[in-house]
Amino acid sequence: MPVLEGRRILLTGAGSGIGKATAMLFAEEGAKVALLDIDKDSVSYASDLGGVALSADVRDEQAVTTAMRAAAEEFGGLDGLVNAAGIGMNADLEDLDMDLWRRVIDINLTGTYVVCRAALPFLRQAGDGTIVNVASGAATRNGKGRSAYIASKAGVIAFTRGIASELAPDIRVNAILPGAVETPLLQGMMANQEAREALESRYAMKRVGQPIEIANAILFMTSKQSSFMTGSPMVVDGGQ
């Protein structure tokens, strides 16, 4: 039997990369999926999965609340949430102006808070709810030019632990810490093949990850196979 049979799950950042791979995997595993992205066209494939496409900027509390209600009304409730929306950046401190700092923190960290808070009433009502927040392995390492990104993702890990304590035992909250993954975000950060090879050399697996490999970890954290895990940061980074 599919491991998510009958579960109703909203995923943010579902337009590409990890979010899209996870949405497609979840649908294969029997879940009803609500796909949220700032670009609604990017989640138009939701109809192919028997799901619903939603548009909202995760920084916009009202827009997120409206989308969450629409998903809950469509499915008769929500059992799970995956926060995969996020942005990357490269800027040394002297070039990191306040606008860029706020953009990274607001999307990656505050956006996670906004979505979790909007989902909370529905997850509580359903019982046995799950939240999986996509953080980053970068949050545990040094990283030149990535201070805002590292701070935002470290905040996601800390936020995950904090609300896991509050919401247990009815809702489990865990985080996934990917390494570099073959997504449009990574491709935009790789200047050339030399830069890519330098990045891959840092990994024991000598390659970057594929979105489906991260999606499989998110599936584990959403399924009953991880029923005794909450507040846990799971590293999926090819041995970096």
C-alpha atoms as a PDB file:
ATOM      1  CA  MET A   1       0.000   0.000   0.000  1.00  0.00           C
ATOM      2  CA  PRO A   2       1.276   3.521  -0.733  1.00  0.00           C
ATOM      3  CA  VAL A   3       2.768   4.926   2.463  1.00  0.00           C
ATOM      4  CA  LEU A   4       0.820   8.204   2.310  1.00  0.00           C
ATOM      5  CA  GLU A   5      -2.525   6.743   1.270  1.00  0.00           C
ATOM      6  CA  GLY A   6      -5.320   9.162   2.199  1.00  0.00           C
ATOM      7  CA  ARG A   7      -3.087  11.880   3.626  1.00  0.00           C
ATOM      8  CA  ARG A   8      -3.629  15.503   2.591  1.00  0.00           C
ATOM      9  CA  ILE A   9      -0.437  17.537   2.328  1.00  0.00           C
ATOM     10  CA  LEU A  10       0.423  21.085   1.334  1.00  0.00           C
ATOM     11  CA  LEU A  11       3.873  21.737  -0.110  1.00  0.00           C
ATOM     12  CA  THR A  12       5.453  25.153  -0.594  1.00  0.00           C
ATOM     13  CA  GLY A  13       8.088  25.859  -3.231  1.00  0.00           C
ATOM     14  CA  ALA A  14       6.441  23.132  -5.303  1.00  0.00           C
ATOM     15  CA  GLY A  15       7.153  24.801  -8.640  1.00  0.00           C
ATOM     16  CA  SER A  16      10.631  23.327  -9.098  1.00  0.00           C
ATOM     17  CA  GLY A  17      13.543  21.484  -7.519  1.00  0.00           C
ATOM     18  CA  ILE A  18      13.063  19.677  -4.223  1.00  0.00           C
ATOM     19  CA  GLY A  19       9.495  20.880  -3.793  1.00  0.00           C
ATOM     20  CA  LYS A  20       8.367  19.572  -7.180  1.00  0.00           C
ATOM     21  CA  ALA A  21      10.152  16.224  -6.791  1.00  0.00           C
ATOM     22  CA  THR A  22       8.529  15.800  -3.384  1.00  0.00           C
ATOM     23  CA  ALA A  23       5.078  16.676  -4.669  1.00  0.00           C
ATOM     24  CA  MET A  24       5.312  14.107  -7.454  1.00  0.00           C
ATOM     25  CA  LEU A  25       6.621  11.428  -5.094  1.00  0.00           C
ATOM     26  CA  PHE A  26       3.906  12.123  -2.536  1.00  0.00           C
ATOM     27  CA  ALA A  27       1.202  11.817  -5.183  1.00  0.00           C
ATOM     28  CA  GLU A  28       2.677   8.468  -6.254  1.00  0.00           C
ATOM     29  CA  GLU A  29       2.532   7.391  -2.620  1.00  0.00           C
ATOM     30  CA  GLY A  30      -1.185   8.114  -2.355  1.00  0.00           C
ATOM     31  CA  ALA A  31      -1.290  11.623  -0.920  1.00  0.00           C
ATOM     32  CA  LYS A  32      -3.612  14.392  -2.012  1.00  0.00           C
ATOM     33  CA  VAL A  33      -1.291  17.325  -2.664  1.00  0.00           C
ATOM     34  CA  ALA A  34      -1.826  21.074  -2.569  1.00  0.00           C
ATOM     35  CA  LEU A  35       1.035  22.763  -4.397  1.00  0.00           C
ATOM     36  CA  LEU A  36       1.908  26.327  -3.438  1.00  0.00           C
ATOM     37  CA  ASP A  37       4.365  28.577  -5.210  1.00  0.00           C
ATOM     38  CA  ILE A  38       4.697  32.297  -5.814  1.00  0.00           C
ATOM     39  CA  ASP A  39       4.400  31.476  -9.536  1.00  0.00           C
ATOM     40  CA  LYS A  40       1.076  29.706 -10.004  1.00  0.00           C
ATOM     41  CA  ASP A  41       1.967  28.623 -13.552  1.00  0.00           C
ATOM     42  CA  SER A  42       4.852  26.584 -12.136  1.00  0.00           C
ATOM     43  CA  VAL A  43       2.417  24.395 -10.177  1.00  0.00           C
ATOM     44  CA  SER A  44      -0.129  23.958 -12.957  1.00  0.00           C
ATOM     45  CA  TYR A  45       0.950  20.304 -13.095  1.00  0.00           C
ATOM     46  CA  ALA A  46      -1.042  19.821  -9.876  1.00  0.00           C
ATOM     47  CA  SER A  47      -4.051  18.851 -11.990  1.00  0.00           C
ATOM     48  CA  ASP A  48      -2.062  15.924 -13.422  1.00  0.00           C
ATOM     49  CA  LEU A  49      -1.573  14.681  -9.861  1.00  0.00           C
ATOM     50  CA  GLY A  50      -5.196  15.129  -8.862  1.00  0.00           C
ATOM     51  CA  GLY A  51      -4.127  17.996  -6.631  1.00  0.00           C
ATOM     52  CA  VAL A  52      -4.708  21.718  -6.360  1.00  0.00           C
ATOM     53  CA  ALA A  53      -2.468  24.603  -7.473  1.00  0.00           C
ATOM     54  CA  LEU A  54      -2.147  27.620  -5.191  1.00  0.00           C
ATOM     55  CA  SER A  55      -0.245  30.880  -5.429  1.00  0.00           C
ATOM     56  CA  ALA A  56       1.141  32.927  -2.539  1.00  0.00           C
ATOM     57  CA  ASP A  57       4.296  34.677  -1.435  1.00  0.00           C
ATOM     58  CA  VAL A  58       5.274  32.888   1.776  1.00  0.00           C
ATOM     59  CA  ARG A  59       6.082  36.276   3.316  1.00  0.00           C
ATOM     60  CA  ASP A  60       2.457  37.392   2.906  1.00  0.00           C
ATOM     61  CA  GLU A  61       0.521  36.166   5.926  1.00  0.00           C
ATOM     62  CA  GLN A  62      -2.910  36.934   4.474  1.00  0.00           C
ATOM     63  CA  ALA A  63      -2.176  35.308   1.127  1.00  0.00           C
ATOM     64  CA  VAL A  64      -0.782  32.197   2.810  1.00  0.00           C
ATOM     65  CA  THR A  65      -3.779  31.955   5.161  1.00  0.00           C
ATOM     66  CA  THR A  66      -6.174  32.228   2.216  1.00  0.00           C
ATOM     67  CA  ALA A  67      -4.309  29.536   0.283  1.00  0.00           C
ATOM     68  CA  MET A  68      -4.188  27.240   3.304  1.00  0.00           C
ATOM     69  CA  ARG A  69      -7.928  27.544   3.806  1.00  0.00           C
ATOM     70  CA  ALA A  70      -8.541  26.841   0.137  1.00  0.00           C
ATOM     71  CA  ALA A  71      -6.479  23.651   0.338  1.00  0.00           C
ATOM     72  CA  ALA A  72      -8.242  22.512   3.502  1.00  0.00           C
ATOM     73  CA  GLU A  73     -11.640  23.158   1.944  1.00  0.00           C
ATOM     74  CA  GLU A  74     -10.682  21.260  -1.211  1.00  0.00           C
ATOM     75  CA  PHE A  75      -9.472  18.199   0.689  1.00  0.00           C
ATOM     76  CA  GLY A  76     -11.657  18.351   3.793  1.00  0.00           C
ATOM     77  CA  GLY A  77      -8.639  19.106   5.987  1.00  0.00           C
ATOM     78  CA  LEU A  78      -4.856  18.844   6.022  1.00  0.00           C
ATOM     79  CA  ASP A  79      -2.614  16.202   7.580  1.00  0.00           C
ATOM     80  CA  GLY A  80       0.828  17.415   6.613  1.00  0.00           C
ATOM     81  CA  LEU A  81       3.002  20.274   5.499  1.00  0.00           C
ATOM     82  CA  VAL A  82       6.319  20.511   3.650  1.00  0.00           C
ATOM     83  CA  ASN A  83       8.133  23.844   3.631  1.00  0.00           C
ATOM     84  CA  ALA A  84      10.435  23.754   0.606  1.00  0.00           C
ATOM     85  CA  ALA A  85      10.165  27.393  -0.507  1.00  0.00           C
ATOM     86  CA  GLY A  86      13.459  29.241  -0.263  1.00  0.00           C
ATOM     87  CA  ILE A  87      16.147  31.274  -1.993  1.00  0.00           C
ATOM     88  CA  GLY A  88      19.932  31.204  -2.022  1.00  0.00           C
ATOM     89  CA  MET A  89      22.448  34.020  -2.168  1.00  0.00           C
ATOM     90  CA  ASN A  90      26.126  34.858  -2.398  1.00  0.00           C
ATOM     91  CA  ALA A  91      27.329  38.167  -0.971  1.00  0.00           C
ATOM     92  CA  ASP A  92      30.194  39.067   1.312  1.00  0.00           C
ATOM     93  CA  LEU A  93      29.231  41.111   4.357  1.00  0.00           C
ATOM     94  CA  GLU A  94      30.365  44.409   2.878  1.00  0.00           C
ATOM     95  CA  ASP A  95      28.055  43.803  -0.103  1.00  0.00           C
ATOM     96  CA  LEU A  96      25.194  42.403   1.963  1.00  0.00           C
ATOM     97  CA  ASP A  97      22.859  45.367   2.185  1.00  0.00           C
ATOM     98  CA  MET A  98      19.758  45.453   4.351  1.00  0.00           C
ATOM     99  CA  ASP A  99      17.378  44.731   1.470  1.00  0.00           C
ATOM    100  CA  LEU A 100      19.180  41.500   0.542  1.00  0.00           C
ATOM    101  CA  TRP A 101      19.508  40.434   4.193  1.00  0.00           C
ATOM    102  CA  ARG A 102      15.801  40.957   4.780  1.00  0.00           C
ATOM    103  CA  ARG A 103      14.813  39.168   1.582  1.00  0.00           C
ATOM    104  CA  VAL A 104      16.755  36.029   2.469  1.00  0.00           C
ATOM    105  CA  ILE A 105      15.637  35.969   6.107  1.00  0.00           C
ATOM    106  CA  ASP A 106      12.034  36.822   5.257  1.00  0.00           C
ATOM    107  CA  ILE A 107      11.625  34.097   2.627  1.00  0.00           C
ATOM    108  CA  ASN A 108      13.653  31.295   4.201  1.00  0.00           C
ATOM    109  CA  LEU A 109      12.915  31.772   7.894  1.00  0.00           C
ATOM    110  CA  THR A 110       9.926  34.062   8.354  1.00  0.00           C
ATOM    111  CA  GLY A 111       8.164  32.356   5.455  1.00  0.00           C
ATOM    112  CA  THR A 112       8.536  29.013   7.220  1.00  0.00           C
ATOM    113  CA  TYR A 113       6.996  30.516  10.356  1.00  0.00           C
ATOM    114  CA  VAL A 114       4.109  32.078   8.402  1.00  0.00           C
ATOM    115  CA  VAL A 115       3.213  28.817   6.657  1.00  0.00           C
ATOM    116  CA  CYS A 116       3.495  26.690   9.811  1.00  0.00           C
ATOM    117  CA  ARG A 117       1.283  29.065  11.761  1.00  0.00           C
ATOM    118  CA  ALA A 118      -1.344  29.144   9.015  1.00  0.00           C
ATOM    119  CA  ALA A 119      -1.414  25.342   8.853  1.00  0.00           C
ATOM    120  CA  LEU A 120      -1.585  24.794  12.594  1.00  0.00           C
ATOM    121  CA  PRO A 121      -5.396  24.808  13.106  1.00  0.00           C
ATOM    122  CA  PHE A 122      -5.895  22.260  10.333  1.00  0.00           C
ATOM    123  CA  LEU A 123      -3.074  19.980  11.473  1.00  0.00           C
ATOM    124  CA  ARG A 124      -4.389  20.036  15.028  1.00  0.00           C
ATOM    125  CA  GLN A 125      -7.874  19.192  13.857  1.00  0.00           C
ATOM    126  CA  ALA A 126      -6.637  16.257  11.797  1.00  0.00           C
ATOM    127  CA  GLY A 127      -4.391  14.811  14.512  1.00  0.00           C
ATOM    128  CA  ASP A 128      -1.225  12.824  13.785  1.00  0.00           C
ATOM    129  CA  GLY A 129       0.030  15.746  11.685  1.00  0.00           C
ATOM    130  CA  THR A 130       3.494  16.229  10.243  1.00  0.00           C
ATOM    131  CA  ILE A 131       5.603  19.228   9.320  1.00  0.00           C
ATOM    132  CA  VAL A 132       8.877  18.899   7.436  1.00  0.00           C
ATOM    133  CA  ASN A 133      10.967  22.036   7.019  1.00  0.00           C
ATOM    134  CA  VAL A 134      13.713  22.077   4.399  1.00  0.00           C
ATOM    135  CA  ALA A 135      16.761  23.696   5.993  1.00  0.00           C
ATOM    136  CA  SER A 136      20.302  23.185   4.671  1.00  0.00           C
ATOM    137  CA  GLY A 137      23.524  21.427   5.538  1.00  0.00           C
ATOM    138  CA  ALA A 138      25.113  24.862   5.050  1.00  0.00           C
ATOM    139  CA  ALA A 139      23.583  25.857   8.381  1.00  0.00           C
ATOM    140  CA  THR A 140      26.134  23.671  10.178  1.00  0.00           C
ATOM    141  CA  ARG A 141      29.251  24.803   8.282  1.00  0.00           C
ATOM    142  CA  ASN A 142      31.313  27.840   7.416  1.00  0.00           C
ATOM    143  CA  GLY A 143      30.489  29.411   4.071  1.00  0.00           C
ATOM    144  CA  LYS A 144      32.132  32.457   2.554  1.00  0.00           C
ATOM    145  CA  GLY A 145      29.603  34.913   1.148  1.00  0.00           C
ATOM    146  CA  ARG A 146      26.631  32.997   2.504  1.00  0.00           C
ATOM    147  CA  SER A 147      26.101  34.542   5.923  1.00  0.00           C
ATOM    148  CA  ALA A 148      22.460  35.526   5.401  1.00  0.00           C
ATOM    149  CA  TYR A 149      21.609  32.136   3.901  1.00  0.00           C
ATOM    150  CA  ILE A 150      23.381  30.257   6.696  1.00  0.00           C
ATOM    151  CA  ALA A 151      21.659  32.382   9.329  1.00  0.00           C
ATOM    152  CA  SER A 152      18.255  31.832   7.760  1.00  0.00           C
ATOM    153  CA  LYS A 153      18.626  28.057   7.526  1.00  0.00           C
ATOM    154  CA  ALA A 154      20.119  27.761  11.025  1.00  0.00           C
ATOM    155  CA  GLY A 155      17.038  29.654  12.153  1.00  0.00           C
ATOM    156  CA  VAL A 156      14.826  27.085  10.416  1.00  0.00           C
ATOM    157  CA  ILE A 157      16.523  24.290  12.367  1.00  0.00           C
ATOM    158  CA  ALA A 158      16.120  26.121  15.672  1.00  0.00           C
ATOM    159  CA  PHE A 159      12.506  27.023  14.864  1.00  0.00           C
ATOM    160  CA  THR A 160      11.807  23.371  14.011  1.00  0.00           C
ATOM    161  CA  ARG A 161      13.138  22.220  17.373  1.00  0.00           C
ATOM    162  CA  GLY A 162      11.190  24.893  19.203  1.00  0.00           C
ATOM    163  CA  ILE A 163       7.800  24.132  17.731  1.00  0.00           C
ATOM    164  CA  ALA A 164       8.417  20.374  17.845  1.00  0.00           C
ATOM    165  CA  SER A 165       8.454  20.689  21.639  1.00  0.00           C
ATOM    166  CA  GLU A 166       5.253  22.718  21.607  1.00  0.00           C
ATOM    167  CA  LEU A 167       3.242  20.601  19.197  1.00  0.00           C
ATOM    168  CA  ALA A 168       4.140  17.066  20.310  1.00  0.00           C
ATOM    169  CA  PRO A 169       2.661  14.523  20.512  1.00  0.00           C
ATOM    170  CA  ASP A 170      -0.142  15.476  18.116  1.00  0.00           C
ATOM    171  CA  ILE A 171       2.076  17.003  15.413  1.00  0.00           C
ATOM    172  CA  ARG A 172       5.605  15.895  14.566  1.00  0.00           C
ATOM    173  CA  VAL A 173       8.005  18.540  13.249  1.00  0.00           C
ATOM    174  CA  ASN A 174      11.329  17.654  11.633  1.00  0.00           C
ATOM    175  CA  ALA A 175      13.893  19.269   9.354  1.00  0.00           C
ATOM    176  CA  ILE A 176      15.831  18.032   6.346  1.00  0.00           C
ATOM    177  CA  LEU A 177      19.364  19.396   5.792  1.00  0.00           C
ATOM    178  CA  PRO A 178      20.294  18.803   2.146  1.00  0.00           C
ATOM    179  CA  GLY A 179      23.709  19.318   0.679  1.00  0.00           C
ATOM    180  CA  ALA A 180      24.067  20.731  -2.831  1.00  0.00           C
ATOM    181  CA  VAL A 181      21.225  19.467  -5.007  1.00  0.00           C
ATOM    182  CA  GLU A 182      20.731  19.594  -8.781  1.00  0.00           C
ATOM    183  CA  THR A 183      18.115  22.362  -8.866  1.00  0.00           C
ATOM    184  CA  PRO A 184      17.689  25.672 -10.707  1.00  0.00           C
ATOM    185  CA  LEU A 185      18.923  27.362  -7.517  1.00  0.00           C
ATOM    186  CA  LEU A 186      22.238  25.481  -7.657  1.00  0.00           C
ATOM    187  CA  GLN A 187      22.635  25.968 -11.386  1.00  0.00           C
ATOM    188  CA  GLY A 188      22.278  29.693 -10.908  1.00  0.00           C
ATOM    189  CA  MET A 189      25.102  29.670  -8.371  1.00  0.00           C
ATOM    190  CA  MET A 190      27.555  27.634 -10.474  1.00  0.00           C
ATOM    191  CA  ALA A 191      29.570  29.979 -12.694  1.00  0.00           C
ATOM    192  CA  ASN A 192      31.156  27.214 -14.786  1.00  0.00           C
ATOM    193  CA  GLN A 193      32.176  23.547 -14.874  1.00  0.00           C
ATOM    194  CA  GLU A 194      35.286  24.280 -12.830  1.00  0.00           C
ATOM    195  CA  ALA A 195      33.178  25.713 -10.029  1.00  0.00           C
ATOM    196  CA  ARG A 196      30.908  22.681 -10.161  1.00  0.00           C
ATOM    197  CA  GLU A 197      33.815  20.249  -9.923  1.00  0.00           C
ATOM    198  CA  ALA A 198      35.247  22.174  -6.985  1.00  0.00           C
ATOM    199  CA  LEU A 199      31.904  21.873  -5.240  1.00  0.00           C
ATOM    200  CA  GLU A 200      31.516  18.168  -5.960  1.00  0.00           C
ATOM    201  CA  SER A 201      35.017  17.451  -4.631  1.00  0.00           C
ATOM    202  CA  ARG A 202      33.837  18.417  -1.137  1.00  0.00           C
ATOM    203  CA  TYR A 203      31.434  15.475  -1.022  1.00  0.00           C
ATOM    204  CA  ALA A 204      32.324  11.891  -0.146  1.00  0.00           C
ATOM    205  CA  MET A 205      29.949  10.810  -2.935  1.00  0.00           C
ATOM    206  CA  LYS A 206      31.838  13.098  -5.384  1.00  0.00           C
ATOM    207  CA  ARG A 207      28.628  14.506  -6.824  1.00  0.00           C
ATOM    208  CA  VAL A 208      25.705  16.713  -5.949  1.00  0.00           C
ATOM    209  CA  GLY A 209      22.377  15.230  -4.953  1.00  0.00           C
ATOM    210  CA  GLN A 210      19.266  14.775  -7.049  1.00  0.00           C
ATOM    211  CA  PRO A 211      15.923  16.273  -5.959  1.00  0.00           C
ATOM    212  CA  ILE A 212      14.340  12.809  -5.669  1.00  0.00           C
ATOM    213  CA  GLU A 213      16.991  11.818  -3.108  1.00  0.00           C
ATOM    214  CA  ILE A 214      15.902  14.672  -0.866  1.00  0.00           C
ATOM    215  CA  ALA A 215      12.252  13.931  -1.594  1.00  0.00           C
ATOM    216  CA  ASN A 216      12.751  10.377  -0.332  1.00  0.00           C
ATOM    217  CA  ALA A 217      14.049  11.744   2.974  1.00  0.00           C
ATOM    218  CA  ILE A 218      11.063  14.084   3.238  1.00  0.00           C
ATOM    219  CA  LEU A 219       8.787  11.124   2.526  1.00  0.00           C
ATOM    220  CA  PHE A 220      10.366   9.213   5.397  1.00  0.00           C
ATOM    221  CA  MET A 221       9.838  12.141   7.773  1.00  0.00           C
ATOM    222  CA  THR A 222       6.210  12.480   6.655  1.00  0.00           C
ATOM    223  CA  SER A 223       5.358   8.794   6.878  1.00  0.00           C
ATOM    224  CA  LYS A 224       4.697   6.615   9.904  1.00  0.00           C
ATOM    225  CA  GLN A 225       8.146   5.081   9.416  1.00  0.00           C
ATOM    226  CA  SER A 226       9.511   8.055  11.394  1.00  0.00           C
ATOM    227  CA  SER A 227       6.778   7.928  14.049  1.00  0.00           C
ATOM    228  CA  PHE A 228       9.221   8.317  16.986  1.00  0.00           C
ATOM    229  CA  MET A 229      11.063  11.288  15.492  1.00  0.00           C
ATOM    230  CA  THR A 230      10.315  14.941  16.181  1.00  0.00           C
ATOM    231  CA  GLY A 231      12.569  17.963  16.459  1.00  0.00           C
ATOM    232  CA  SER A 232      15.182  16.065  14.445  1.00  0.00           C
ATOM    233  CA  PRO A 233      17.465  17.606  11.799  1.00  0.00           C
ATOM    234  CA  MET A 234      18.194  14.886   9.212  1.00  0.00           C
ATOM    235  CA  VAL A 235      21.349  15.503   7.181  1.00  0.00           C
ATOM    236  CA  VAL A 236      21.168  14.319   3.543  1.00  0.00           C
ATOM    237  CA  ASP A 237      24.362  15.694   2.047  1.00  0.00           C
ATOM    238  CA  GLY A 238      26.332  12.954   0.302  1.00  0.00           C
ATOM    239  CA  GLY A 239      28.870  12.783   3.115  1.00  0.00           C
ATOM    240  CA  GLN A 240      30.036  16.388   3.183  1.00  0.00           C
END
